[in-house]
Amino acid sequence: MKRLLTTLVILTGLFGSAGAVWADAQSDFDKGYKAHQAGDYAEAVKWYRKAAEQGLADAQNNLGNRYSEGEGVTQDYAEAVKWYRKAAEQGNAHGQGNLGWMYEYG
């Protein structure tokens, strides 16, 4: 019984911290989106990168877009593909479409 309780406490801590990380990533993504909408691409890249590095697929796709378009960063198709692939591997439809587009049009 003590072992079961210990396991439950550990799992609760793990799942709780995963939710906090997702909330942080979503908050960073939202900041990036607002900066992007305002035309501040360098600021958008900063926040998208933070969220993307935490594994948020929408941020990975949007960061790929910034590299593809050269907005807020030097245009770099290889870097765009890297981020599109990360999003696509998580099942993100936009990332999958963008990755396919990059392969088709090189």
C-alpha atoms as a PDB file:
ATOM      1  CA  MET A   1       0.000   0.000   0.000  1.00  0.00           C
ATOM      2  CA  LYS A   2       2.823   2.382   0.886  1.00  0.00           C
ATOM      3  CA  ARG A   3       4.487   1.632  -2.454  1.00  0.00           C
ATOM      4  CA  LEU A   4       1.257   2.382  -4.354  1.00  0.00           C
ATOM      5  CA  LEU A   5       0.863   5.677  -2.516  1.00  0.00           C
ATOM      6  CA  THR A   6       4.472   6.645  -3.280  1.00  0.00           C
ATOM      7  CA  THR A   7       3.958   5.810  -6.962  1.00  0.00           C
ATOM      8  CA  LEU A   8       0.781   7.909  -7.099  1.00  0.00           C
ATOM      9  CA  VAL A   9       2.515  10.878  -5.476  1.00  0.00           C
ATOM     10  CA  ILE A  10       5.376  10.679  -7.981  1.00  0.00           C
ATOM     11  CA  LEU A  11       3.022  10.391 -10.964  1.00  0.00           C
ATOM     12  CA  THR A  12       0.919  13.297  -9.743  1.00  0.00           C
ATOM     13  CA  GLY A  13       4.046  15.438  -9.542  1.00  0.00           C
ATOM     14  CA  LEU A  14       5.131  14.445 -13.029  1.00  0.00           C
ATOM     15  CA  PHE A  15       1.766  15.128 -14.621  1.00  0.00           C
ATOM     16  CA  GLY A  16       1.350  18.360 -12.716  1.00  0.00           C
ATOM     17  CA  SER A  17       4.703  19.675 -13.881  1.00  0.00           C
ATOM     18  CA  ALA A  18       3.969  18.646 -17.479  1.00  0.00           C
ATOM     19  CA  GLY A  19       0.817  20.773 -17.378  1.00  0.00           C
ATOM     20  CA  ALA A  20       2.797  23.725 -16.071  1.00  0.00           C
ATOM     21  CA  VAL A  21       5.326  23.375 -18.901  1.00  0.00           C
ATOM     22  CA  TRP A  22       2.515  23.277 -21.470  1.00  0.00           C
ATOM     23  CA  ALA A  23       0.949  26.387 -19.920  1.00  0.00           C
ATOM     24  CA  ASP A  24       4.309  28.187 -20.121  1.00  0.00           C
ATOM     25  CA  ALA A  25       4.756  27.135 -23.742  1.00  0.00           C
ATOM     26  CA  GLN A  26       1.243  28.284 -24.627  1.00  0.00           C
ATOM     27  CA  SER A  27       1.837  31.628 -22.895  1.00  0.00           C
ATOM     28  CA  ASP A  28       5.096  32.083 -24.829  1.00  0.00           C
ATOM     29  CA  PHE A  29       3.318  31.182 -28.070  1.00  0.00           C
ATOM     30  CA  ASP A  30       0.579  33.742 -27.349  1.00  0.00           C
ATOM     31  CA  LYS A  31       3.205  36.447 -26.779  1.00  0.00           C
ATOM     32  CA  GLY A  32       4.842  35.502 -30.068  1.00  0.00           C
ATOM     33  CA  TYR A  33       1.521  35.579 -31.895  1.00  0.00           C
ATOM     34  CA  LYS A  34       0.703  39.046 -30.555  1.00  0.00           C
ATOM     35  CA  ALA A  35       4.143  40.323 -31.580  1.00  0.00           C
ATOM     36  CA  HIS A  36       3.691  38.770 -35.023  1.00  0.00           C
ATOM     37  CA  GLN A  37       0.299  40.419 -35.447  1.00  0.00           C
ATOM     38  CA  ALA A  38       1.898  43.746 -34.498  1.00  0.00           C
ATOM     39  CA  GLY A  39       4.584  43.257 -37.152  1.00  0.00           C
ATOM     40  CA  ASP A  40       7.413  42.839 -34.626  1.00  0.00           C
ATOM     41  CA  TYR A  41       8.874  39.708 -36.196  1.00  0.00           C
ATOM     42  CA  ALA A  42      12.093  39.645 -34.157  1.00  0.00           C
ATOM     43  CA  GLU A  43      10.044  39.640 -30.943  1.00  0.00           C
ATOM     44  CA  ALA A  44       7.726  37.004 -32.392  1.00  0.00           C
ATOM     45  CA  VAL A  45      10.694  34.778 -33.210  1.00  0.00           C
ATOM     46  CA  LYS A  46      11.991  35.117 -29.650  1.00  0.00           C
ATOM     47  CA  TRP A  47       8.716  33.893 -28.150  1.00  0.00           C
ATOM     48  CA  TYR A  48       7.963  31.288 -30.815  1.00  0.00           C
ATOM     49  CA  ARG A  49      11.435  29.806 -30.252  1.00  0.00           C
ATOM     50  CA  LYS A  50      10.865  29.557 -26.489  1.00  0.00           C
ATOM     51  CA  ALA A  51       7.562  27.770 -27.026  1.00  0.00           C
ATOM     52  CA  ALA A  52       8.952  25.618 -29.857  1.00  0.00           C
ATOM     53  CA  GLU A  53      11.850  24.437 -27.734  1.00  0.00           C
ATOM     54  CA  GLN A  54       9.304  23.337 -25.123  1.00  0.00           C
ATOM     55  CA  GLY A  55       7.694  21.179 -27.811  1.00  0.00           C
ATOM     56  CA  LEU A  56       4.615  23.207 -28.781  1.00  0.00           C
ATOM     57  CA  ALA A  57       3.826  22.149 -32.358  1.00  0.00           C
ATOM     58  CA  ASP A  58       2.050  25.380 -33.365  1.00  0.00           C
ATOM     59  CA  ALA A  59       5.097  27.359 -32.264  1.00  0.00           C
ATOM     60  CA  GLN A  60       7.401  25.025 -34.183  1.00  0.00           C
ATOM     61  CA  ASN A  61       5.333  25.558 -37.315  1.00  0.00           C
ATOM     62  CA  ASN A  62       5.214  29.335 -36.873  1.00  0.00           C
ATOM     63  CA  LEU A  63       8.949  29.471 -36.235  1.00  0.00           C
ATOM     64  CA  GLY A  64       9.407  27.504 -39.449  1.00  0.00           C
ATOM     65  CA  ASN A  65       7.288  30.116 -41.208  1.00  0.00           C
ATOM     66  CA  ARG A  66       9.504  32.932 -39.956  1.00  0.00           C
ATOM     67  CA  TYR A  67      12.599  31.153 -41.287  1.00  0.00           C
ATOM     68  CA  SER A  68      10.886  30.377 -44.577  1.00  0.00           C
ATOM     69  CA  GLU A  69       9.840  34.009 -45.051  1.00  0.00           C
ATOM     70  CA  GLY A  70      12.914  35.593 -43.470  1.00  0.00           C
ATOM     71  CA  GLU A  71      10.802  37.572 -41.025  1.00  0.00           C
ATOM     72  CA  GLY A  72      12.697  38.450 -37.842  1.00  0.00           C
ATOM     73  CA  VAL A  73      15.545  36.117 -38.846  1.00  0.00           C
ATOM     74  CA  THR A  74      17.775  35.577 -41.845  1.00  0.00           C
ATOM     75  CA  GLN A  75      15.888  33.462 -44.366  1.00  0.00           C
ATOM     76  CA  ASP A  76      17.016  29.860 -43.948  1.00  0.00           C
ATOM     77  CA  TYR A  77      15.085  27.076 -45.660  1.00  0.00           C
ATOM     78  CA  ALA A  78      17.011  24.307 -43.904  1.00  0.00           C
ATOM     79  CA  GLU A  79      16.076  25.790 -40.533  1.00  0.00           C
ATOM     80  CA  ALA A  80      12.463  26.148 -41.697  1.00  0.00           C
ATOM     81  CA  VAL A  81      12.381  22.464 -42.661  1.00  0.00           C
ATOM     82  CA  LYS A  82      13.817  21.512 -39.258  1.00  0.00           C
ATOM     83  CA  TRP A  83      10.979  23.263 -37.426  1.00  0.00           C
ATOM     84  CA  TYR A  84       8.275  22.133 -39.847  1.00  0.00           C
ATOM     85  CA  ARG A  85       9.455  18.539 -39.369  1.00  0.00           C
ATOM     86  CA  LYS A  86       9.251  18.832 -35.588  1.00  0.00           C
ATOM     87  CA  ALA A  87       5.674  20.107 -35.861  1.00  0.00           C
ATOM     88  CA  ALA A  88       4.751  17.518 -38.493  1.00  0.00           C
ATOM     89  CA  GLU A  89       6.069  14.652 -36.373  1.00  0.00           C
ATOM     90  CA  GLN A  90       3.598  15.672 -33.675  1.00  0.00           C
ATOM     91  CA  GLY A  91       0.731  15.451 -36.154  1.00  0.00           C
ATOM     92  CA  ASN A  92       0.399  19.203 -36.704  1.00  0.00           C
ATOM     93  CA  ALA A  93      -1.456  19.571 -40.014  1.00  0.00           C
ATOM     94  CA  HIS A  94       0.062  22.967 -40.832  1.00  0.00           C
ATOM     95  CA  GLY A  95       3.548  21.639 -40.159  1.00  0.00           C
ATOM     96  CA  GLN A  96       2.853  18.622 -42.357  1.00  0.00           C
ATOM     97  CA  GLY A  97       1.558  20.793 -45.175  1.00  0.00           C
ATOM     98  CA  ASN A  98       4.442  23.230 -44.941  1.00  0.00           C
ATOM     99  CA  LEU A  99       6.988  20.430 -44.846  1.00  0.00           C
ATOM    100  CA  GLY A 100       5.389  18.882 -47.937  1.00  0.00           C
ATOM    101  CA  TRP A 101       5.431  22.249 -49.680  1.00  0.00           C
ATOM    102  CA  MET A 102       9.131  22.667 -48.919  1.00  0.00           C
ATOM    103  CA  TYR A 103       9.894  19.225 -50.337  1.00  0.00           C
ATOM    104  CA  GLU A 104       7.805  19.866 -53.436  1.00  0.00           C
ATOM    105  CA  TYR A 105       9.209  23.307 -54.202  1.00  0.00           C
ATOM    106  CA  GLY A 106      12.682  22.816 -52.722  1.00  0.00           C
END
